[in-house]
Protein backbone atom coordinates (compact mmCIF):
# COMPACT_ATOMS: atom_id res chain seq x y z
CA MET A 1 118.80 75.67 66.66
CA THR A 2 119.62 75.67 70.34
CA PRO A 3 122.50 77.96 71.15
CA ARG A 4 125.82 76.23 71.89
CA PHE A 5 128.43 77.35 74.42
CA PHE A 6 130.86 78.26 71.78
CA ASP A 7 128.58 80.15 69.44
CA GLY A 8 129.73 83.60 70.70
CA ILE A 9 133.40 83.19 69.83
CA ASP A 10 134.73 85.81 67.33
CA TRP A 11 136.94 83.38 65.32
CA PRO A 12 138.57 85.95 62.84
CA GLN A 13 140.36 87.67 65.85
CA ALA A 14 144.14 87.31 65.65
CA TRP A 15 144.38 85.65 69.10
CA PHE A 16 142.43 82.56 67.84
CA ALA A 17 144.75 82.13 64.82
CA ALA A 18 146.54 79.04 66.25
CA VAL A 19 143.37 77.04 66.88
CA ARG A 20 140.97 78.46 64.27
CA GLU A 21 141.61 75.73 61.66
CA GLN A 22 140.99 72.92 64.13
CA ALA A 23 137.88 74.54 65.45
CA GLN A 24 136.01 74.65 62.07
CA GLY A 25 135.26 70.98 61.87
CA LEU A 26 134.06 70.94 65.50
CA LEU A 27 131.79 73.89 64.95
CA ALA A 28 130.09 72.31 61.98
CA ALA A 29 129.59 68.96 63.58
CA ASP A 30 126.28 67.83 65.21
CA ASP A 31 128.20 66.33 67.96
CA TRP A 32 131.39 68.33 68.71
CA ARG A 33 132.81 65.77 71.21
CA ALA A 34 132.45 62.91 68.70
CA GLN A 35 134.10 65.04 66.10
CA LEU A 36 136.91 65.88 68.54
CA ASN A 37 137.60 62.26 69.05
CA LEU A 38 137.49 61.61 65.35
CA CYS A 39 140.13 64.31 64.87
CA ALA A 40 142.23 62.75 67.50
CA VAL A 41 142.07 59.32 65.75
CA GLN A 42 142.82 60.76 62.30
CA ALA A 43 145.80 62.67 63.74
CA GLY A 44 147.04 59.70 65.61
CA LEU A 45 147.22 61.57 68.90
CA SER A 46 148.79 59.88 71.97
CA ASN A 47 149.95 60.86 75.33
CA HIS A 48 153.64 60.62 76.56
CA ARG A 49 153.15 57.01 77.33
CA ASP A 50 151.96 56.47 73.59
CA LEU A 51 148.45 55.59 74.72
CA PRO A 52 145.82 56.85 72.24
CA LEU A 53 144.43 60.22 73.30
CA ARG A 54 140.67 60.45 73.65
CA PHE A 55 138.34 63.06 75.15
CA ILE A 56 135.83 61.86 77.66
CA THR A 57 133.17 63.51 79.86
CA GLN A 58 134.18 64.94 83.15
CA GLU A 59 131.93 62.37 84.90
CA GLU A 60 134.16 59.63 83.59
CA LEU A 61 137.08 60.95 85.73
CA PRO A 62 137.32 58.59 88.72
CA GLU A 63 136.60 60.36 92.01
CA GLY A 64 139.71 61.43 93.88
CA GLU A 65 141.95 60.95 90.85
CA ALA A 66 144.14 63.96 89.70
CA TYR A 67 143.25 65.33 86.19
CA GLU A 68 146.82 65.37 84.88
CA ALA A 69 147.66 62.00 86.41
CA HIS A 70 144.57 60.41 84.78
CA ILE A 71 145.57 61.73 81.27
CA SER A 72 149.08 60.30 81.85
CA ALA A 73 147.89 56.85 82.94
CA THR A 74 145.04 56.42 80.53
CA GLY A 75 145.36 58.89 77.61
CA LEU A 76 141.77 60.04 78.37
CA VAL A 77 141.21 63.79 78.73
CA PRO A 78 138.18 64.72 80.84
CA THR A 79 136.45 67.49 78.83
CA ARG A 80 133.54 69.50 80.14
CA GLU A 81 131.09 71.30 77.90
CA ASN A 82 132.47 74.73 78.50
CA LEU A 83 134.91 77.20 76.84
CA HIS A 84 137.83 76.41 79.08
CA ASP A 85 137.90 72.70 78.23
CA PHE A 86 136.90 73.32 74.53
CA PHE A 87 139.96 75.43 74.05
CA ASN A 88 142.08 72.84 75.92
CA ALA A 89 140.97 70.29 73.49
CA LEU A 90 141.67 72.52 70.49
CA VAL A 91 145.31 73.05 71.81
CA TRP A 92 145.70 69.31 72.03
CA LEU A 93 144.80 69.02 68.31
CA THR A 94 147.02 71.97 67.40
CA PHE A 95 150.15 71.63 69.48
CA PRO A 96 150.04 67.89 70.58
CA ALA A 97 153.78 67.59 71.18
CA ILE A 98 153.83 70.40 73.72
CA LYS A 99 150.76 69.20 75.41
CA ARG A 100 152.28 65.70 75.73
CA GLN A 101 155.42 67.08 77.34
CA LEU A 102 153.49 69.36 79.71
CA ASN A 103 151.31 66.49 80.87
CA ALA A 104 154.44 64.29 81.38
CA LEU A 105 155.93 67.11 83.59
CA GLN A 106 152.75 67.51 85.58
CA ALA A 107 152.24 63.84 86.08
CA ALA A 108 155.84 63.39 87.16
CA GLN A 109 155.54 66.08 89.76
CA ILE A 110 152.37 64.59 91.09
CA ALA A 111 153.90 61.16 91.33
CA SER A 112 156.82 62.66 93.18
CA LEU A 113 155.11 65.24 95.49
CA GLY A 114 151.51 64.08 95.62
CA ILE A 115 148.60 66.62 95.58
CA GLY A 116 148.74 69.18 98.12
CA LYS A 117 147.84 72.81 98.75
CA SER A 118 151.04 73.87 96.87
CA ARG A 119 151.90 72.48 93.43
CA GLY A 120 155.57 73.08 93.79
CA PRO A 121 157.65 75.21 91.50
CA ALA A 122 158.08 72.95 88.52
CA ARG A 123 154.35 71.85 88.41
CA ASP A 124 153.28 75.49 89.01
CA ALA A 125 155.36 76.65 86.01
CA ALA A 126 153.98 73.79 83.84
CA THR A 127 150.39 74.76 84.83
CA ILE A 128 150.96 78.43 84.05
CA PHE A 129 152.36 77.42 80.64
CA ASP A 130 149.35 75.14 80.02
CA GLU A 131 146.80 77.77 81.05
CA ASN A 132 148.27 81.11 80.05
CA ALA A 133 151.21 80.91 77.70
CA ALA A 134 151.74 82.63 74.40
CA LEU A 135 154.43 81.50 72.04
CA LEU A 136 156.55 84.46 70.82
CA VAL A 137 158.42 83.32 67.72
CA LEU A 138 161.32 85.63 66.71
CA ALA A 139 163.99 85.48 63.94
CA ASP A 140 167.34 84.67 65.42
CA THR A 141 168.80 87.86 64.05
CA THR A 142 169.61 91.40 65.39
CA GLU A 143 166.04 92.56 64.76
CA GLY A 144 164.62 89.68 66.76
CA ALA A 145 167.07 90.27 69.61
CA ASP A 146 166.16 93.95 69.71
CA LEU A 147 162.47 93.27 69.94
CA ILE A 148 162.77 90.71 72.76
CA ALA A 149 165.10 93.12 74.58
CA ALA A 150 162.49 95.78 74.44
CA LEU A 151 159.75 93.42 75.71
CA ARG A 152 161.87 92.15 78.53
CA ALA A 153 162.70 95.72 79.57
CA HIS A 154 158.91 96.62 79.35
CA ALA A 155 159.71 99.23 76.89
CA TRP A 156 156.20 98.95 75.45
CA GLN A 157 156.31 101.89 73.09
CA ASP A 158 159.52 100.73 71.68
CA ALA A 159 158.35 97.15 71.16
CA PHE A 160 154.75 97.78 69.92
CA VAL A 161 155.07 101.09 68.13
CA LEU A 162 158.56 101.70 66.98
CA GLN A 163 159.10 98.05 66.09
CA ALA A 164 155.62 97.20 65.09
CA ASP A 165 156.57 96.46 61.51
CA LYS A 166 158.46 93.34 62.73
CA PHE A 167 155.27 91.58 63.62
CA GLY A 168 154.34 89.28 60.75
CA ARG A 169 157.76 89.87 59.24
CA CYS A 170 160.21 88.48 61.71
CA ALA A 171 158.02 87.96 64.76
CA GLU A 172 154.62 86.39 65.45
CA VAL A 173 152.63 85.26 68.49
CA TRP A 174 150.57 82.03 68.77
CA CYS A 175 148.23 81.93 71.75
CA PHE A 176 148.60 78.60 73.48
CA GLY A 177 147.08 78.72 76.98
CA HIS A 178 143.40 77.67 77.01
CA ALA A 179 142.59 79.87 79.91
CA LEU A 180 144.12 82.81 78.06
CA MET A 181 141.96 82.13 74.94
CA GLU A 182 138.87 81.74 77.20
CA LYS A 183 139.56 85.21 78.70
CA LEU A 184 139.95 86.61 75.05
CA VAL A 185 136.41 85.55 74.18
CA GLN A 186 135.39 88.68 76.02
CA PRO A 187 138.62 90.72 75.72
CA TYR A 188 139.72 93.47 78.02
CA LYS A 189 142.81 95.48 77.87
CA ALA A 190 144.66 94.06 80.93
CA ILE A 191 144.79 90.49 79.64
CA THR A 192 148.55 89.43 79.97
CA ALA A 193 150.17 86.21 78.80
CA HIS A 194 153.13 84.43 80.12
CA THR A 195 155.23 84.39 76.99
CA TRP A 196 157.60 81.64 75.90
CA VAL A 197 160.25 82.98 73.46
CA VAL A 198 161.18 80.74 70.48
CA MET A 199 164.16 81.83 68.24
CA VAL A 200 164.06 80.54 64.69
CA GLU A 201 165.85 80.88 61.41
CA PRO A 202 164.55 83.83 59.30
CA ALA A 203 163.24 81.33 56.64
CA TYR A 204 160.56 80.26 59.10
CA PHE A 205 158.60 83.40 58.16
CA THR A 206 158.37 82.20 54.54
CA TRP A 207 156.57 78.94 55.44
CA ASP A 208 152.83 78.39 55.56
CA ALA A 209 150.99 78.42 58.88
CA ILE A 210 150.65 74.70 59.02
CA ALA A 211 154.46 74.16 58.74
CA ARG A 212 155.23 76.94 61.19
CA ARG A 213 152.89 75.54 63.86
CA ALA A 214 154.31 72.00 63.44
CA TYR A 215 157.85 73.40 63.78
CA VAL A 216 157.11 75.43 66.85
CA ASP A 217 155.21 72.39 68.40
CA ALA A 218 158.25 70.10 67.97
CA MET A 219 160.81 72.76 69.02
CA VAL A 220 159.07 73.80 72.12
CA ALA A 221 158.35 70.28 73.31
CA GLN A 222 162.08 69.52 72.93
CA GLN A 223 162.96 72.60 75.00
CA LEU A 224 160.56 71.71 77.69
CA ALA A 225 161.96 68.07 77.78
CA SER A 226 165.52 69.33 78.07
CA GLN A 227 165.46 71.96 80.73
CA THR A 228 163.96 72.54 84.18
CA LEU A 229 160.85 74.66 83.70
CA THR A 230 160.43 77.56 86.26
CA THR A 231 158.38 80.72 86.23
CA ALA A 232 161.57 82.78 85.48
CA ASN A 233 161.31 81.32 81.86
CA TYR A 234 158.38 83.66 81.10
CA THR A 235 158.21 87.24 79.74
CA PRO A 236 154.90 89.08 80.44
CA LEU A 237 152.98 90.11 77.31
CA PRO A 238 149.87 92.43 77.43
CA VAL A 239 148.42 90.66 74.34
CA LEU A 240 146.12 93.51 73.20
CA GLY A 241 149.15 95.62 72.85
CA LEU A 242 150.32 93.47 70.00
CA PRO A 243 150.11 95.62 66.71
CA GLY A 244 146.74 95.13 65.08
CA TRP A 245 145.28 93.01 67.94
CA TRP A 246 143.14 95.84 69.33
CA HIS A 247 141.52 99.13 68.18
CA GLN A 248 142.76 102.59 69.08
CA GLN A 249 146.38 101.67 69.76
CA ASP A 250 147.42 105.25 70.09
CA THR A 251 150.08 106.83 72.44
CA ALA A 252 147.45 107.12 75.28
CA PHE A 253 146.70 103.38 74.91
CA TYR A 254 150.22 102.38 75.69
CA GLU A 255 150.71 104.91 78.36
CA ASP A 256 148.20 103.18 80.63
CA GLN A 257 150.56 101.98 83.34
CA GLN A 258 147.88 99.81 84.95
CA VAL A 259 148.32 97.57 81.92
CA PHE A 260 151.74 98.46 80.44
CA ARG A 261 153.65 98.45 83.56
CA ALA A 262 157.24 99.59 84.10
CA LYS A 263 159.72 96.80 84.95
CA ARG A 264 160.28 96.28 88.63
CA ARG A 265 163.65 97.17 89.97
CA ASN A 266 165.33 94.60 92.12
């Protein structure tokens, strides 16, 4: 069988957990793009204008038309045969409400400001979310507050070692950005996500993965719709520092200040 561009992905890795289930059908199909569109139909996916969402080839994008504006106007997502666009499609299947809202934000900015050398702060923040976000879900308790405080202070040993037992019990991370997941196909220690923090009731951590993803999808989409998105919303997260996400997470690993950097003082 001819090798396919996604054959080298190590799917059991923790960072692919969010999209792993959606990927299985595409990997088994003779025509992954046809299967992708079948999944979109079955899920009833649509864009923010309620136009049916479909995945098309890059060649079908009209010349000179902005990618985000085209999705907004037509519901058609140009999708190249590469890892970057493959992961983007998987995120559409997994977190459709967030993707709808991000596209609405991006399209609105293009309509307002046009396409220039600079995206502008709001569109820039939406693009960063789309490409490189991780969703950090925390119980809205003292334990969750202590963990996010340590992460925001860049107290990496505290967050990842002293509080390691919280991950899976009252904290979890879903990779969202498709560029982030593309980088993690060949992981290296310095990969850092822009983290969006989601506070939830403790009962969330007793639900199954499908219910948790659906809740986060709806909640984050609502947050994005109700506030002005800026880059100040993000917390940096060296993802391979997450407990169990990498081998040899010893003291020396976290002392590498090229990756686990101290917080800048104003």
